[in-house]
Amino acid sequence: MRLHAGIGYVTPDNEHHGRGDGIRAARRDSLAHARPARITYRRTTPEDKR
């Protein structure tokens, strides 16, 4: 198991101070936004321009 895997890859200090849920939510939102943007970019950009 990787370091901090059990607490969702936030530092113990962040978890202790109650910031863990917010950090994990922001990460989920960011990843949810990035995936369709990445797919759109790859579909509209020629391979030689990547």
N, C-alpha and C. Protein backbone atom coordinates (compact mmCIF):
# COMPACT_ATOMS: atom_id res chain seq x y z
N MET A 1 0.85 -1.18 0.00
CA MET A 1 0.00 0.00 0.00
C MET A 1 0.89 1.24 0.00
N ARG A 2 0.49 2.24 -0.74
CA ARG A 2 1.26 3.47 -0.83
C ARG A 2 1.00 4.38 0.36
N LEU A 3 1.96 5.25 0.59
CA LEU A 3 1.86 6.22 1.66
C LEU A 3 0.60 7.06 1.50
N HIS A 4 -0.19 7.19 2.50
CA HIS A 4 -1.43 7.98 2.55
C HIS A 4 -2.57 7.41 1.70
N ALA A 5 -2.42 6.20 1.18
CA ALA A 5 -3.47 5.62 0.36
C ALA A 5 -4.75 5.41 1.17
N GLY A 6 -4.61 5.07 2.43
CA GLY A 6 -5.77 4.81 3.26
C GLY A 6 -6.61 6.03 3.56
N ILE A 7 -6.04 7.22 3.37
CA ILE A 7 -6.80 8.45 3.64
C ILE A 7 -6.98 9.27 2.36
N GLY A 8 -6.97 8.57 1.23
CA GLY A 8 -7.29 9.22 -0.04
C GLY A 8 -6.21 10.14 -0.58
N TYR A 9 -4.96 9.83 -0.26
CA TYR A 9 -3.82 10.59 -0.79
C TYR A 9 -3.82 12.06 -0.38
N VAL A 10 -4.27 12.34 0.81
CA VAL A 10 -4.08 13.67 1.41
C VAL A 10 -3.13 13.48 2.58
N THR A 11 -2.47 14.53 2.99
CA THR A 11 -1.52 14.39 4.08
C THR A 11 -2.26 14.19 5.39
N PRO A 12 -1.64 13.54 6.34
CA PRO A 12 -2.28 13.37 7.64
C PRO A 12 -2.64 14.71 8.29
N ASP A 13 -1.80 15.73 8.07
CA ASP A 13 -2.09 17.05 8.63
C ASP A 13 -3.38 17.62 8.05
N ASN A 14 -3.55 17.51 6.74
CA ASN A 14 -4.78 17.99 6.11
C ASN A 14 -5.99 17.22 6.61
N GLU A 15 -5.83 15.93 6.75
CA GLU A 15 -6.94 15.11 7.25
C GLU A 15 -7.28 15.49 8.69
N HIS A 16 -6.26 15.69 9.49
CA HIS A 16 -6.45 16.04 10.90
C HIS A 16 -7.18 17.38 11.06
N HIS A 17 -6.88 18.32 10.17
CA HIS A 17 -7.49 19.65 10.26
C HIS A 17 -8.80 19.76 9.47
N GLY A 18 -9.31 18.64 9.00
CA GLY A 18 -10.62 18.63 8.35
C GLY A 18 -10.63 19.06 6.90
N ARG A 19 -9.48 19.12 6.27
CA ARG A 19 -9.42 19.56 4.87
C ARG A 19 -9.45 18.39 3.89
N GLY A 20 -9.41 17.17 4.38
CA GLY A 20 -9.33 16.00 3.52
C GLY A 20 -10.50 15.85 2.57
N ASP A 21 -11.72 16.00 3.07
CA ASP A 21 -12.90 15.84 2.21
C ASP A 21 -12.92 16.89 1.10
N GLY A 22 -12.57 18.11 1.41
CA GLY A 22 -12.54 19.17 0.40
C GLY A 22 -11.48 18.93 -0.66
N ILE A 23 -10.33 18.45 -0.24
CA ILE A 23 -9.25 18.16 -1.19
C ILE A 23 -9.66 17.03 -2.12
N ARG A 24 -10.24 15.97 -1.55
CA ARG A 24 -10.68 14.84 -2.39
C ARG A 24 -11.80 15.26 -3.34
N ALA A 25 -12.73 16.08 -2.89
CA ALA A 25 -13.82 16.55 -3.75
C ALA A 25 -13.27 17.42 -4.89
N ALA A 26 -12.33 18.30 -4.58
CA ALA A 26 -11.74 19.15 -5.62
C ALA A 26 -11.00 18.30 -6.65
N ARG A 27 -10.32 17.26 -6.19
CA ARG A 27 -9.60 16.36 -7.10
C ARG A 27 -10.59 15.63 -8.00
N ARG A 28 -11.68 15.12 -7.42
CA ARG A 28 -12.70 14.43 -8.24
C ARG A 28 -13.29 15.37 -9.28
N ASP A 29 -13.62 16.61 -8.88
CA ASP A 29 -14.19 17.58 -9.82
C ASP A 29 -13.21 17.91 -10.94
N SER A 30 -11.95 18.07 -10.57
CA SER A 30 -10.93 18.39 -11.55
C SER A 30 -10.75 17.25 -12.55
N LEU A 31 -10.70 16.03 -12.05
CA LEU A 31 -10.54 14.88 -12.95
C LEU A 31 -11.77 14.70 -13.84
N ALA A 32 -12.96 14.95 -13.29
CA ALA A 32 -14.18 14.83 -14.08
C ALA A 32 -14.21 15.86 -15.21
N HIS A 33 -13.66 17.03 -14.97
CA HIS A 33 -13.59 18.08 -15.99
C HIS A 33 -12.48 17.79 -17.01
N ALA A 34 -11.37 17.26 -16.55
CA ALA A 34 -10.20 17.06 -17.41
C ALA A 34 -10.43 15.97 -18.45
N ARG A 35 -11.14 14.92 -18.10
CA ARG A 35 -11.29 13.80 -19.03
C ARG A 35 -11.98 14.20 -20.34
N PRO A 36 -13.18 14.85 -20.28
CA PRO A 36 -13.80 15.24 -21.55
C PRO A 36 -12.98 16.28 -22.31
N ALA A 37 -12.28 17.15 -21.59
CA ALA A 37 -11.42 18.13 -22.27
C ALA A 37 -10.28 17.43 -22.99
N ARG A 38 -9.70 16.40 -22.37
CA ARG A 38 -8.61 15.65 -22.98
C ARG A 38 -9.11 14.90 -24.21
N ILE A 39 -10.29 14.30 -24.12
CA ILE A 39 -10.86 13.57 -25.25
C ILE A 39 -11.13 14.52 -26.41
N THR A 40 -11.71 15.66 -26.12
CA THR A 40 -11.98 16.66 -27.17
C THR A 40 -10.69 17.12 -27.83
N TYR A 41 -9.69 17.40 -27.03
CA TYR A 41 -8.40 17.85 -27.57
C TYR A 41 -7.82 16.79 -28.51
N ARG A 42 -7.83 15.54 -28.08
CA ARG A 42 -7.23 14.48 -28.89
C ARG A 42 -8.03 14.22 -30.16
N ARG A 43 -9.33 14.45 -30.12
CA ARG A 43 -10.15 14.23 -31.32
C ARG A 43 -10.01 15.37 -32.31
N THR A 44 -9.66 16.56 -31.85
CA THR A 44 -9.64 17.72 -32.74
C THR A 44 -8.23 18.18 -33.11
N THR A 45 -7.20 17.63 -32.49
CA THR A 45 -5.82 18.04 -32.77
C THR A 45 -5.13 16.95 -33.59
N PRO A 46 -4.59 17.31 -34.72
CA PRO A 46 -3.85 16.32 -35.52
C PRO A 46 -2.68 15.75 -34.72
N GLU A 47 -2.35 14.49 -34.98
CA GLU A 47 -1.28 13.83 -34.23
C GLU A 47 0.05 14.56 -34.33
N ASP A 48 0.35 15.14 -35.46
CA ASP A 48 1.65 15.80 -35.62
C ASP A 48 1.71 17.13 -34.87
N LYS A 49 0.59 17.61 -34.35
CA LYS A 49 0.56 18.87 -33.60
C LYS A 49 0.54 18.65 -32.10
N ARG A 50 0.47 17.40 -31.65
CA ARG A 50 0.39 17.10 -30.21
C ARG A 50 1.73 17.15 -29.56
